[in-house]
C-alpha atoms as a PDB file:
ATOM      1  CA  MET A   1      31.752 102.043  -7.722  1.00  0.00           C
ATOM      2  CA  ASN A   2      28.681  99.904  -8.553  1.00  0.00           C
ATOM      3  CA  ARG A   3      29.800  99.844 -12.168  1.00  0.00           C
ATOM      4  CA  ARG A   4      33.217  98.413 -11.159  1.00  0.00           C
ATOM      5  CA  ILE A   5      31.572  95.697  -9.052  1.00  0.00           C
ATOM      6  CA  ILE A   6      29.274  94.722 -11.921  1.00  0.00           C
ATOM      7  CA  LEU A   7      32.204  94.705 -14.354  1.00  0.00           C
ATOM      8  CA  ALA A   8      34.338  92.596 -11.970  1.00  0.00           C
ATOM      9  CA  THR A   9      31.459  90.161 -11.434  1.00  0.00           C
ATOM     10  CA  ALA A  10      30.928  89.865 -15.180  1.00  0.00           C
ATOM     11  CA  MET A  11      34.649  89.196 -15.739  1.00  0.00           C
ATOM     12  CA  LEU A  12      34.655  86.471 -13.081  1.00  0.00           C
ATOM     13  CA  ALA A  13      31.607  84.870 -14.679  1.00  0.00           C
ATOM     14  CA  VAL A  14      33.289  84.861 -18.102  1.00  0.00           C
ATOM     15  CA  ILE A  15      36.478  83.382 -16.660  1.00  0.00           C
ATOM     16  CA  GLY A  16      34.462  80.735 -14.808  1.00  0.00           C
ATOM     17  CA  LEU A  17      32.476  79.801 -17.903  1.00  0.00           C
ATOM     18  CA  SER A  18      35.562  79.608 -20.100  1.00  0.00           C
ATOM     19  CA  GLY A  19      37.080  77.235 -17.537  1.00  0.00           C
ATOM     20  CA  CYS A  20      34.000  75.002 -17.807  1.00  0.00           C
ATOM     21  CA  THR A  21      34.193  75.025 -21.579  1.00  0.00           C
ATOM     22  CA  SER A  22      37.837  73.990 -21.475  1.00  0.00           C
ATOM     23  CA  LEU A  23      37.067  71.174 -19.040  1.00  0.00           C
ATOM     24  CA  GLU A  24      34.259  69.867 -21.260  1.00  0.00           C
ATOM     25  CA  HIS A  25      36.574  69.992 -24.268  1.00  0.00           C
ATOM     26  CA  GLU A  26      39.322  68.134 -22.410  1.00  0.00           C
ATOM     27  CA  THR A  27      36.866  65.442 -21.285  1.00  0.00           C
ATOM     28  CA  THR A  28      35.673  64.978 -24.855  1.00  0.00           C
ATOM     29  CA  GLU A  29      39.235  64.673 -26.134  1.00  0.00           C
ATOM     30  CA  THR A  30      40.084  62.209 -23.383  1.00  0.00           C
ATOM     31  CA  ASP A  31      37.031  60.131 -24.267  1.00  0.00           C
ATOM     32  CA  ALA A  32      37.978  60.144 -27.938  1.00  0.00           C
ATOM     33  CA  ASP A  33      41.607  59.235 -27.263  1.00  0.00           C
ATOM     34  CA  HIS A  34      41.084  56.644 -24.574  1.00  0.00           C
ATOM     35  CA  GLY A  35      37.701  55.117 -25.237  1.00  0.00           C
ATOM     36  CA  ILE A  36      35.278  54.422 -22.438  1.00  0.00           C
ATOM     37  CA  GLN A  37      35.771  56.392 -19.260  1.00  0.00           C
ATOM     38  CA  HIS A  38      34.380  54.254 -16.447  1.00  0.00           C
ATOM     39  CA  GLU A  39      34.505  57.037 -13.888  1.00  0.00           C
ATOM     40  CA  ILE A  40      31.865  58.839 -15.932  1.00  0.00           C
ATOM     41  CA  HIS A  41      29.663  55.829 -16.736  1.00  0.00           C
ATOM     42  CA  ALA A  42      30.004  53.832 -13.510  1.00  0.00           C
ATOM     43  CA  SER A  43      26.921  53.108 -11.469  1.00  0.00           C
ATOM     44  CA  PRO A  44      27.013  53.992  -7.749  1.00  0.00           C
ATOM     45  CA  GLU A  45      26.933  50.271  -6.839  1.00  0.00           C
ATOM     46  CA  GLN A  46      29.915  49.395  -9.029  1.00  0.00           C
ATOM     47  CA  VAL A  47      33.026  48.231  -7.267  1.00  0.00           C
ATOM     48  CA  GLU A  48      36.003  49.972  -8.792  1.00  0.00           C
ATOM     49  CA  ILE A  49      38.758  47.725 -10.100  1.00  0.00           C
ATOM     50  CA  THR A  50      42.031  49.118  -8.862  1.00  0.00           C
ATOM     51  CA  GLU A  51      44.405  46.605 -10.409  1.00  0.00           C
ATOM     52  CA  TRP A  52      44.582  44.148 -13.268  1.00  0.00           C
ATOM     53  CA  ASN A  53      45.011  40.548 -12.120  1.00  0.00           C
ATOM     54  CA  SER A  54      44.703  36.996 -13.451  1.00  0.00           C
ATOM     55  CA  LYS A  55      41.102  36.604 -12.224  1.00  0.00           C
ATOM     56  CA  ILE A  56      39.989  39.798 -13.980  1.00  0.00           C
ATOM     57  CA  ALA A  57      41.828  38.729 -17.163  1.00  0.00           C
ATOM     58  CA  ALA A  58      40.268  35.235 -17.090  1.00  0.00           C
ATOM     59  CA  GLU A  59      36.782  36.737 -16.741  1.00  0.00           C
ATOM     60  CA  ALA A  60      37.410  39.060 -19.701  1.00  0.00           C
ATOM     61  CA  LYS A  61      38.702  36.164 -21.810  1.00  0.00           C
ATOM     62  CA  LYS A  62      35.623  34.038 -21.009  1.00  0.00           C
ATOM     63  CA  ILE A  63      33.195  36.808 -21.961  1.00  0.00           C
ATOM     64  CA  ALA A  64      35.076  37.463 -25.234  1.00  0.00           C
ATOM     65  CA  THR A  65      35.090  33.722 -26.013  1.00  0.00           C
ATOM     66  CA  ASP A  66      31.371  33.329 -25.333  1.00  0.00           C
ATOM     67  CA  ALA A  67      30.517  36.521 -27.215  1.00  0.00           C
ATOM     68  CA  ALA A  68      32.631  35.402 -30.200  1.00  0.00           C
ATOM     69  CA  ALA A  69      30.839  32.039 -30.290  1.00  0.00           C
ATOM     70  CA  ALA A  70      27.465  33.850 -30.265  1.00  0.00           C
ATOM     71  CA  TYR A  71      28.652  36.348 -32.896  1.00  0.00           C
ATOM     72  CA  ALA A  72      29.977  33.725 -35.335  1.00  0.00           C
ATOM     73  CA  ARG A  73      26.530  32.382 -36.192  1.00  0.00           C
ATOM     74  CA  PRO A  74      25.469  33.457 -39.684  1.00  0.00           C
ATOM     75  CA  ASP A  75      23.283  30.338 -39.816  1.00  0.00           C
ATOM     76  CA  LEU A  76      20.757  31.768 -37.327  1.00  0.00           C
ATOM     77  CA  THR A  77      17.903  34.104 -38.090  1.00  0.00           C
ATOM     78  CA  GLU A  78      18.737  37.723 -37.301  1.00  0.00           C
ATOM     79  CA  THR A  79      16.384  37.661 -34.316  1.00  0.00           C
ATOM     80  CA  ALA A  80      17.866  34.446 -32.851  1.00  0.00           C
ATOM     81  CA  TRP A  81      21.410  35.721 -33.508  1.00  0.00           C
ATOM     82  CA  PHE A  82      20.807  39.001 -31.699  1.00  0.00           C
ATOM     83  CA  LYS A  83      19.046  37.237 -28.815  1.00  0.00           C
ATOM     84  CA  ALA A  84      22.104  34.989 -28.311  1.00  0.00           C
ATOM     85  CA  LEU A  85      24.608  37.864 -28.595  1.00  0.00           C
ATOM     86  CA  ALA A  86      22.738  40.514 -26.566  1.00  0.00           C
ATOM     87  CA  PRO A  87      23.548  39.218 -23.043  1.00  0.00           C
ATOM     88  CA  PHE A  88      27.254  39.888 -23.696  1.00  0.00           C
ATOM     89  CA  LEU A  89      26.758  43.453 -24.962  1.00  0.00           C
ATOM     90  CA  SER A  90      26.620  46.823 -23.237  1.00  0.00           C
ATOM     91  CA  GLN A  91      23.486  48.870 -23.848  1.00  0.00           C
ATOM     92  CA  ASN A  92      25.277  50.995 -26.474  1.00  0.00           C
ATOM     93  CA  ALA A  93      26.499  47.871 -28.261  1.00  0.00           C
ATOM     94  CA  ARG A  94      22.993  46.372 -28.143  1.00  0.00           C
ATOM     95  CA  ASP A  95      21.634  49.474 -29.828  1.00  0.00           C
ATOM     96  CA  THR A  96      24.284  49.120 -32.553  1.00  0.00           C
ATOM     97  CA  PHE A  97      24.008  45.373 -33.110  1.00  0.00           C
ATOM     98  CA  GLN A  98      20.224  45.402 -33.075  1.00  0.00           C
ATOM     99  CA  GLN A  99      20.510  47.170 -36.431  1.00  0.00           C
ATOM    100  CA  THR A 100      23.131  44.716 -37.769  1.00  0.00           C
ATOM    101  CA  SER A 101      22.559  41.703 -39.983  1.00  0.00           C
ATOM    102  CA  ASN A 102      24.479  38.526 -39.274  1.00  0.00           C
ATOM    103  CA  LEU A 103      24.059  37.318 -42.871  1.00  0.00           C
ATOM    104  CA  ASN A 104      27.401  38.818 -43.956  1.00  0.00           C
ATOM    105  CA  ILE A 105      29.423  37.293 -41.126  1.00  0.00           C
ATOM    106  CA  ALA A 106      31.931  34.836 -42.574  1.00  0.00           C
ATOM    107  CA  SER A 107      33.078  33.408 -39.228  1.00  0.00           C
ATOM    108  CA  THR A 108      31.414  30.226 -38.049  1.00  0.00           C
ATOM    109  CA  LYS A 109      33.850  28.881 -35.463  1.00  0.00           C
ATOM    110  CA  VAL A 110      36.182  30.224 -32.774  1.00  0.00           C
ATOM    111  CA  VAL A 111      39.707  28.916 -33.373  1.00  0.00           C
ATOM    112  CA  LYS A 112      41.841  30.685 -30.752  1.00  0.00           C
ATOM    113  CA  VAL A 113      41.309  33.301 -28.042  1.00  0.00           C
ATOM    114  CA  HIS A 114      44.321  35.433 -27.143  1.00  0.00           C
ATOM    115  CA  GLU A 115      45.050  36.727 -23.663  1.00  0.00           C
ATOM    116  CA  PRO A 116      43.269  39.992 -22.811  1.00  0.00           C
ATOM    117  CA  VAL A 117      45.213  43.233 -22.944  1.00  0.00           C
ATOM    118  CA  GLN A 118      44.446  45.811 -20.268  1.00  0.00           C
ATOM    119  CA  GLY A 119      43.225  49.156 -21.550  1.00  0.00           C
ATOM    120  CA  VAL A 120      43.668  52.617 -20.032  1.00  0.00           C
ATOM    121  CA  SER A 121      42.290  51.261 -16.768  1.00  0.00           C
ATOM    122  CA  PRO A 122      41.854  47.778 -15.296  1.00  0.00           C
ATOM    123  CA  ALA A 123      38.163  48.074 -16.202  1.00  0.00           C
ATOM    124  CA  ILE A 124      38.917  48.181 -19.954  1.00  0.00           C
ATOM    125  CA  ALA A 125      40.275  45.246 -21.957  1.00  0.00           C
ATOM    126  CA  THR A 126      40.804  44.201 -25.550  1.00  0.00           C
ATOM    127  CA  VAL A 127      40.675  40.548 -26.556  1.00  0.00           C
ATOM    128  CA  SER A 128      41.584  39.229 -30.016  1.00  0.00           C
ATOM    129  CA  VAL A 129      39.719  36.124 -31.138  1.00  0.00           C
ATOM    130  CA  GLN A 130      40.734  34.158 -34.197  1.00  0.00           C
ATOM    131  CA  THR A 131      37.922  32.492 -36.094  1.00  0.00           C
ATOM    132  CA  ASN A 132      37.956  30.278 -39.136  1.00  0.00           C
ATOM    133  CA  ALA A 133      37.480  33.370 -41.337  1.00  0.00           C
ATOM    134  CA  THR A 134      38.989  36.405 -39.600  1.00  0.00           C
ATOM    135  CA  THR A 135      40.340  37.855 -36.373  1.00  0.00           C
ATOM    136  CA  LEU A 136      37.785  39.646 -34.256  1.00  0.00           C
ATOM    137  CA  LYS A 137      38.794  42.265 -31.719  1.00  0.00           C
ATOM    138  CA  PHE A 138      36.534  42.721 -28.706  1.00  0.00           C
ATOM    139  CA  LEU A 139      36.639  45.932 -26.672  1.00  0.00           C
ATOM    140  CA  LEU A 140      35.311  45.133 -23.204  1.00  0.00           C
ATOM    141  CA  SER A 141      34.412  47.275 -20.230  1.00  0.00           C
ATOM    142  CA  ARG A 142      33.614  46.178 -16.728  1.00  0.00           C
ATOM    143  CA  ALA A 143      30.403  47.573 -15.288  1.00  0.00           C
ATOM    144  CA  ASP A 144      28.390  46.402 -12.301  1.00  0.00           C
ATOM    145  CA  GLY A 145      30.949  43.679 -11.613  1.00  0.00           C
ATOM    146  CA  GLN A 146      30.752  42.071 -15.074  1.00  0.00           C
ATOM    147  CA  TRP A 147      32.566  42.445 -18.364  1.00  0.00           C
ATOM    148  CA  VAL A 148      30.470  43.558 -21.336  1.00  0.00           C
ATOM    149  CA  VAL A 149      31.340  43.948 -24.995  1.00  0.00           C
ATOM    150  CA  GLU A 150      31.417  47.549 -26.143  1.00  0.00           C
ATOM    151  CA  LYS A 151      32.633  47.010 -29.690  1.00  0.00           C
ATOM    152  CA  ILE A 152      33.522  44.190 -32.085  1.00  0.00           C
ATOM    153  CA  THR A 153      35.796  44.861 -35.027  1.00  0.00           C
ATOM    154  CA  SER A 154      37.035  42.500 -37.710  1.00  0.00           C
ATOM    155  CA  ASN A 155      40.478  42.325 -39.297  1.00  0.00           C
ATOM    156  CA  SER A 156      39.769  40.569 -42.572  1.00  0.00           C
END
């Protein structure tokens, strides 16, 4: 009798653990497929955005415009360039761009900023910015009531 109870308990533990493993795997796949998951990274003080609207879009566009202007500065020293760009970046992006040199950036002027495109949630947006040399794509997330740049890619 005791042996059956121990065996049943062990089986339940295995089933429970395999369920946790599957959930972790699904979360990882979701993160990989859909980018930033705000529900996971949100601070307790953050106000959740429940719908995309013109005010939210205008704020995203302004941050992308200002970040693009700070990014397109190969004439600055690396330290001055990073100092100007950093306020627009998330912590992860700061860690990445702190190791980046601006000397190879061909863009020097923002030409046109396209309207933001909502991502998988209203707290994620992508904004394309045309410069005199290339089109930059800014992936933004909204945290603590403000948009921040998560990633900048270039389409040469």
